[in-house]
């Protein structure tokens, strides 16, 4: 089982997004709080992020990922775009295979 289950507050943090944009260089980096279970541990079913998307504030799609396997507990994702192609703020939206929503906003500067 994922180490997250050892923490009393893992469910409260489930789906939280932390990250940052570097618009000038075209890079977006984010971490999603999620246990990403393989389903191989007895009594613990598969529990994965299935869909992640990045959107401009006006809803314009920028990138989309479909995941079919667990990649890592609290996975980190880095997206590369053309330099200057990212807006100053990006919405992150997603869903896991249990229907839990993932929501966050990435911006320049400090890690969110």
N, C-alpha and C. Protein backbone atom coordinates (compact mmCIF):
# COMPACT_ATOMS: atom_id res chain seq x y z
N UNK A 1 0.82 -1.20 0.00
CA UNK A 1 0.00 0.00 0.00
C UNK A 1 0.86 1.26 0.00
N UNK A 2 0.32 2.33 -0.50
CA UNK A 2 1.03 3.61 -0.54
C UNK A 2 1.33 4.10 0.86
N UNK A 3 2.44 4.80 1.02
CA UNK A 3 2.81 5.38 2.31
C UNK A 3 1.80 6.42 2.77
N UNK A 4 1.07 6.99 1.84
CA UNK A 4 0.09 8.03 2.18
C UNK A 4 -0.90 7.54 3.23
N UNK A 5 -1.24 6.26 3.19
CA UNK A 5 -2.24 5.73 4.12
C UNK A 5 -1.76 5.77 5.57
N UNK A 6 -0.46 5.90 5.78
CA UNK A 6 0.07 6.00 7.14
C UNK A 6 -0.23 7.36 7.75
N UNK A 7 -0.52 8.35 6.94
CA UNK A 7 -0.83 9.70 7.40
C UNK A 7 -2.33 9.81 7.67
N UNK A 8 -2.68 10.45 8.78
CA UNK A 8 -4.08 10.61 9.15
C UNK A 8 -4.86 11.54 8.22
N UNK A 9 -4.16 12.44 7.52
CA UNK A 9 -4.85 13.45 6.72
C UNK A 9 -4.75 13.23 5.21
N UNK A 10 -4.38 12.03 4.77
CA UNK A 10 -4.18 11.82 3.33
C UNK A 10 -5.45 12.10 2.53
N UNK A 11 -6.62 11.77 3.09
CA UNK A 11 -7.87 11.99 2.35
C UNK A 11 -8.18 13.48 2.21
N UNK A 12 -7.78 14.28 3.19
CA UNK A 12 -8.01 15.73 3.13
C UNK A 12 -7.15 16.37 2.04
N UNK A 13 -5.99 15.82 1.78
CA UNK A 13 -5.07 16.38 0.79
C UNK A 13 -5.24 15.76 -0.60
N UNK A 14 -6.04 14.73 -0.69
CA UNK A 14 -6.23 14.02 -1.96
C UNK A 14 -6.63 14.99 -3.07
N UNK A 15 -5.88 14.99 -4.15
CA UNK A 15 -6.20 15.82 -5.31
C UNK A 15 -5.66 17.23 -5.26
N UNK A 16 -4.97 17.60 -4.17
CA UNK A 16 -4.38 18.94 -4.12
C UNK A 16 -3.23 19.03 -5.12
N UNK A 17 -3.07 20.19 -5.71
CA UNK A 17 -2.04 20.42 -6.72
C UNK A 17 -1.08 21.48 -6.21
N UNK A 18 0.20 21.20 -6.34
CA UNK A 18 1.26 22.15 -5.99
C UNK A 18 2.14 22.28 -7.22
N UNK A 19 2.54 23.47 -7.55
CA UNK A 19 3.40 23.61 -8.72
C UNK A 19 3.75 25.04 -9.03
N UNK A 20 4.32 25.21 -10.20
CA UNK A 20 4.81 26.52 -10.61
C UNK A 20 4.95 26.58 -12.13
N UNK A 21 4.85 27.79 -12.65
CA UNK A 21 5.08 28.04 -14.08
C UNK A 21 6.36 28.83 -14.27
N UNK A 22 7.02 28.56 -15.37
CA UNK A 22 8.12 29.38 -15.87
C UNK A 22 7.71 29.74 -17.30
N UNK A 23 6.88 30.76 -17.43
CA UNK A 23 6.30 31.12 -18.73
C UNK A 23 7.36 31.47 -19.77
N UNK A 24 8.38 32.20 -19.36
CA UNK A 24 9.41 32.63 -20.32
C UNK A 24 10.09 31.44 -20.99
N UNK A 25 10.32 30.37 -20.23
CA UNK A 25 10.97 29.20 -20.81
C UNK A 25 9.97 28.14 -21.26
N UNK A 26 8.68 28.33 -20.95
CA UNK A 26 7.65 27.40 -21.41
C UNK A 26 7.54 26.13 -20.58
N UNK A 27 7.82 26.21 -19.29
CA UNK A 27 7.78 25.00 -18.45
C UNK A 27 6.73 25.13 -17.36
N UNK A 28 5.99 24.05 -17.13
CA UNK A 28 5.02 23.95 -16.05
C UNK A 28 5.34 22.68 -15.27
N UNK A 29 5.46 22.79 -13.96
CA UNK A 29 5.75 21.62 -13.11
C UNK A 29 4.72 21.56 -12.01
N UNK A 30 4.18 20.35 -11.77
CA UNK A 30 3.18 20.19 -10.73
C UNK A 30 3.30 18.84 -10.05
N UNK A 31 2.84 18.80 -8.81
CA UNK A 31 2.75 17.57 -8.01
C UNK A 31 1.30 17.45 -7.57
N UNK A 32 0.75 16.24 -7.70
CA UNK A 32 -0.62 15.99 -7.27
C UNK A 32 -0.56 15.05 -6.06
N UNK A 33 -1.23 15.45 -4.98
CA UNK A 33 -1.31 14.59 -3.80
C UNK A 33 -2.28 13.45 -4.10
N UNK A 34 -1.71 12.24 -4.25
CA UNK A 34 -2.53 11.07 -4.59
C UNK A 34 -1.70 9.82 -4.33
N UNK A 35 -2.29 8.77 -3.69
CA UNK A 35 -1.52 7.57 -3.38
C UNK A 35 -1.14 6.72 -4.59
N UNK A 36 -1.89 6.77 -5.68
CA UNK A 36 -1.59 6.02 -6.89
C UNK A 36 -1.30 4.54 -6.61
N UNK A 37 -2.30 3.83 -6.12
CA UNK A 37 -2.14 2.42 -5.79
C UNK A 37 -2.20 1.51 -7.00
N UNK A 38 -1.35 0.50 -7.00
CA UNK A 38 -1.25 -0.45 -8.12
C UNK A 38 -2.34 -1.50 -8.11
N UNK A 39 -2.93 -1.75 -6.94
CA UNK A 39 -3.89 -2.83 -6.82
C UNK A 39 -3.23 -4.17 -6.53
N UNK A 40 -1.91 -4.18 -6.37
CA UNK A 40 -1.20 -5.42 -6.11
C UNK A 40 -1.13 -5.79 -4.64
N UNK A 41 -1.38 -4.85 -3.73
CA UNK A 41 -1.39 -5.15 -2.30
C UNK A 41 -2.76 -5.73 -1.92
N UNK A 42 -2.77 -6.77 -1.09
CA UNK A 42 -4.01 -7.42 -0.69
C UNK A 42 -5.01 -6.42 -0.11
N UNK A 43 -6.22 -6.46 -0.62
CA UNK A 43 -7.30 -5.64 -0.08
C UNK A 43 -7.29 -4.18 -0.50
N UNK A 44 -6.33 -3.79 -1.33
CA UNK A 44 -6.28 -2.39 -1.78
C UNK A 44 -6.42 -2.37 -3.30
N UNK A 45 -7.54 -1.85 -3.78
CA UNK A 45 -7.78 -1.84 -5.23
C UNK A 45 -6.95 -0.79 -5.96
N UNK A 46 -6.93 -0.89 -7.27
CA UNK A 46 -6.26 0.12 -8.10
C UNK A 46 -6.89 1.47 -7.81
N UNK A 47 -6.06 2.47 -7.61
CA UNK A 47 -6.53 3.82 -7.29
C UNK A 47 -5.56 4.78 -7.95
N UNK A 48 -5.91 5.29 -9.14
CA UNK A 48 -4.98 6.08 -9.95
C UNK A 48 -5.62 7.35 -10.49
N UNK A 49 -4.77 8.31 -10.79
CA UNK A 49 -5.19 9.49 -11.55
C UNK A 49 -5.38 9.01 -12.98
N UNK A 50 -6.52 9.32 -13.56
CA UNK A 50 -6.79 8.89 -14.93
C UNK A 50 -6.65 10.01 -15.95
N UNK A 51 -6.96 11.23 -15.53
CA UNK A 51 -7.02 12.31 -16.49
C UNK A 51 -6.51 13.60 -15.84
N UNK A 52 -5.63 14.30 -16.53
CA UNK A 52 -5.12 15.60 -16.08
C UNK A 52 -5.10 16.53 -17.27
N UNK A 53 -5.50 17.77 -17.07
CA UNK A 53 -5.43 18.74 -18.16
C UNK A 53 -4.96 20.09 -17.63
N UNK A 54 -4.30 20.82 -18.50
CA UNK A 54 -3.89 22.19 -18.23
C UNK A 54 -4.70 23.09 -19.14
N UNK A 55 -5.22 24.19 -18.57
CA UNK A 55 -6.03 25.13 -19.34
C UNK A 55 -5.63 26.55 -18.99
N UNK A 56 -5.73 27.43 -19.97
CA UNK A 56 -5.57 28.86 -19.70
C UNK A 56 -6.76 29.30 -18.85
N UNK A 57 -6.66 30.46 -18.22
CA UNK A 57 -7.75 30.96 -17.36
C UNK A 57 -9.08 31.06 -18.11
N UNK A 58 -9.04 31.31 -19.42
CA UNK A 58 -10.28 31.43 -20.19
C UNK A 58 -10.82 30.07 -20.65
N UNK A 59 -10.16 28.97 -20.22
CA UNK A 59 -10.62 27.63 -20.57
C UNK A 59 -9.96 27.02 -21.79
N UNK A 60 -9.10 27.77 -22.48
CA UNK A 60 -8.41 27.25 -23.66
C UNK A 60 -7.53 26.07 -23.26
N UNK A 61 -7.72 24.89 -23.88
CA UNK A 61 -6.91 23.72 -23.54
C UNK A 61 -5.44 23.93 -23.93
N UNK A 62 -4.53 23.54 -23.04
CA UNK A 62 -3.10 23.64 -23.31
C UNK A 62 -2.44 22.27 -23.40
N UNK A 63 -2.87 21.33 -22.57
CA UNK A 63 -2.29 19.98 -22.58
C UNK A 63 -3.24 19.04 -21.86
N UNK A 64 -3.15 17.75 -22.20
CA UNK A 64 -3.98 16.74 -21.55
C UNK A 64 -3.19 15.44 -21.45
N UNK A 65 -3.29 14.79 -20.29
CA UNK A 65 -2.69 13.48 -20.06
C UNK A 65 -3.78 12.48 -19.71
N UNK A 66 -3.68 11.29 -20.29
CA UNK A 66 -4.50 10.16 -19.89
C UNK A 66 -3.55 9.14 -19.30
N UNK A 67 -3.79 8.77 -18.03
CA UNK A 67 -2.93 7.79 -17.36
C UNK A 67 -3.70 6.48 -17.22
N UNK A 68 -2.99 5.38 -17.43
CA UNK A 68 -3.62 4.06 -17.34
C UNK A 68 -2.96 3.17 -16.30
N UNK A 69 -1.87 3.63 -15.74
CA UNK A 69 -1.13 2.88 -14.71
C UNK A 69 -0.68 3.86 -13.64
N UNK A 70 -0.43 3.36 -12.42
CA UNK A 70 0.13 4.25 -11.39
C UNK A 70 1.56 4.62 -11.76
N UNK A 71 1.90 5.87 -11.65
CA UNK A 71 3.25 6.30 -12.00
C UNK A 71 4.12 6.48 -10.77
N UNK A 72 3.57 7.00 -9.69
CA UNK A 72 4.32 7.22 -8.46
C UNK A 72 3.37 7.81 -7.43
N UNK A 73 3.59 7.52 -6.16
CA UNK A 73 2.80 8.18 -5.13
C UNK A 73 3.09 9.67 -5.17
N UNK A 74 2.06 10.50 -5.07
CA UNK A 74 2.19 11.96 -5.20
C UNK A 74 3.03 12.30 -6.44
N UNK A 75 2.53 11.93 -7.61
CA UNK A 75 3.34 12.07 -8.82
C UNK A 75 3.62 13.52 -9.20
N UNK A 76 4.79 13.71 -9.80
CA UNK A 76 5.21 15.02 -10.32
C UNK A 76 5.17 14.95 -11.85
N UNK A 77 4.68 16.00 -12.46
CA UNK A 77 4.59 16.08 -13.91
C UNK A 77 5.23 17.39 -14.37
N UNK A 78 6.00 17.32 -15.43
CA UNK A 78 6.59 18.51 -16.03
C UNK A 78 6.13 18.58 -17.48
N UNK A 79 5.61 19.74 -17.86
CA UNK A 79 5.15 19.98 -19.22
C UNK A 79 6.05 21.02 -19.86
N UNK A 80 6.42 20.80 -21.10
CA UNK A 80 7.27 21.74 -21.84
C UNK A 80 6.50 22.30 -23.02
N UNK A 81 6.53 23.61 -23.13
CA UNK A 81 5.87 24.34 -24.22
C UNK A 81 6.90 25.22 -24.89
N UNK A 82 6.55 25.81 -26.00
CA UNK A 82 7.43 26.79 -26.63
C UNK A 82 7.64 27.96 -25.67
N UNK A 83 8.81 28.53 -25.70
CA UNK A 83 9.11 29.68 -24.84
C UNK A 83 8.08 30.78 -25.07
N UNK A 84 7.53 31.31 -23.99
CA UNK A 84 6.55 32.38 -24.07
C UNK A 84 5.14 31.93 -24.41
N UNK A 85 4.91 30.63 -24.61
CA UNK A 85 3.59 30.15 -25.00
C UNK A 85 2.62 30.01 -23.83
N UNK A 86 3.13 29.98 -22.61
CA UNK A 86 2.26 29.82 -21.44
C UNK A 86 1.75 31.16 -20.94
N UNK A 87 0.49 31.21 -20.53
CA UNK A 87 -0.01 32.43 -19.87
C UNK A 87 0.57 32.52 -18.46
N UNK A 88 0.31 33.60 -17.77
CA UNK A 88 0.85 33.80 -16.42
C UNK A 88 0.20 32.90 -15.38
N UNK A 89 -0.96 32.33 -15.71
CA UNK A 89 -1.68 31.45 -14.79
C UNK A 89 -2.32 30.32 -15.58
N UNK A 90 -2.28 29.11 -15.01
CA UNK A 90 -2.82 27.93 -15.69
C UNK A 90 -3.67 27.13 -14.70
N UNK A 91 -4.85 26.72 -15.14
CA UNK A 91 -5.71 25.85 -14.33
C UNK A 91 -5.31 24.40 -14.56
N UNK A 92 -5.30 23.61 -13.49
CA UNK A 92 -5.07 22.17 -13.57
C UNK A 92 -6.37 21.50 -13.15
N UNK A 93 -6.87 20.60 -13.99
CA UNK A 93 -8.09 19.86 -13.68
C UNK A 93 -7.84 18.39 -13.97
N UNK A 94 -8.50 17.54 -13.21
CA UNK A 94 -8.35 16.11 -13.44
C UNK A 94 -9.33 15.31 -12.64
N UNK A 95 -9.19 13.99 -12.76
CA UNK A 95 -10.09 13.07 -12.07
C UNK A 95 -9.35 11.74 -11.90
N UNK A 96 -9.64 11.06 -10.78
CA UNK A 96 -9.06 9.72 -10.62
C UNK A 96 -10.12 8.67 -10.94
N UNK A 97 -9.73 7.40 -10.87
CA UNK A 97 -10.66 6.33 -11.26
C UNK A 97 -11.80 6.12 -10.27
N UNK A 98 -11.79 6.82 -9.14
CA UNK A 98 -12.90 6.76 -8.20
C UNK A 98 -13.80 7.99 -8.31
N UNK A 99 -13.52 8.85 -9.27
CA UNK A 99 -14.34 10.04 -9.48
C UNK A 99 -13.93 11.25 -8.66
N UNK A 100 -12.85 11.15 -7.89
CA UNK A 100 -12.36 12.30 -7.12
C UNK A 100 -11.79 13.34 -8.07
N UNK A 101 -12.12 14.60 -7.82
CA UNK A 101 -11.66 15.69 -8.67
C UNK A 101 -10.31 16.21 -8.23
N UNK A 102 -9.54 16.62 -9.20
CA UNK A 102 -8.24 17.24 -8.98
C UNK A 102 -8.36 18.66 -9.51
N UNK A 103 -8.01 19.65 -8.67
CA UNK A 103 -8.12 21.05 -9.06
C UNK A 103 -6.95 21.83 -8.50
N UNK A 104 -6.46 22.78 -9.28
CA UNK A 104 -5.41 23.66 -8.80
C UNK A 104 -5.13 24.75 -9.81
N UNK A 105 -4.30 25.69 -9.42
CA UNK A 105 -3.88 26.78 -10.29
C UNK A 105 -2.37 26.92 -10.16
N UNK A 106 -1.70 26.99 -11.29
CA UNK A 106 -0.26 27.22 -11.33
C UNK A 106 -0.01 28.65 -11.76
N UNK A 107 1.01 29.26 -11.17
CA UNK A 107 1.35 30.62 -11.57
C UNK A 107 2.86 30.80 -11.46
N UNK A 108 3.33 31.94 -11.95
CA UNK A 108 4.74 32.28 -11.85
C UNK A 108 5.10 32.49 -10.39
N UNK A 109 6.37 32.42 -10.08
CA UNK A 109 6.81 32.76 -8.72
C UNK A 109 6.84 31.56 -7.81
N UNK A 110 6.35 31.76 -6.59
CA UNK A 110 6.45 30.73 -5.55
C UNK A 110 5.63 29.51 -5.89
N UNK A 111 6.07 28.39 -5.34
CA UNK A 111 5.37 27.12 -5.48
C UNK A 111 4.01 27.24 -4.80
N UNK A 112 2.94 26.85 -5.51
CA UNK A 112 1.57 26.91 -4.95
C UNK A 112 1.33 25.71 -4.07
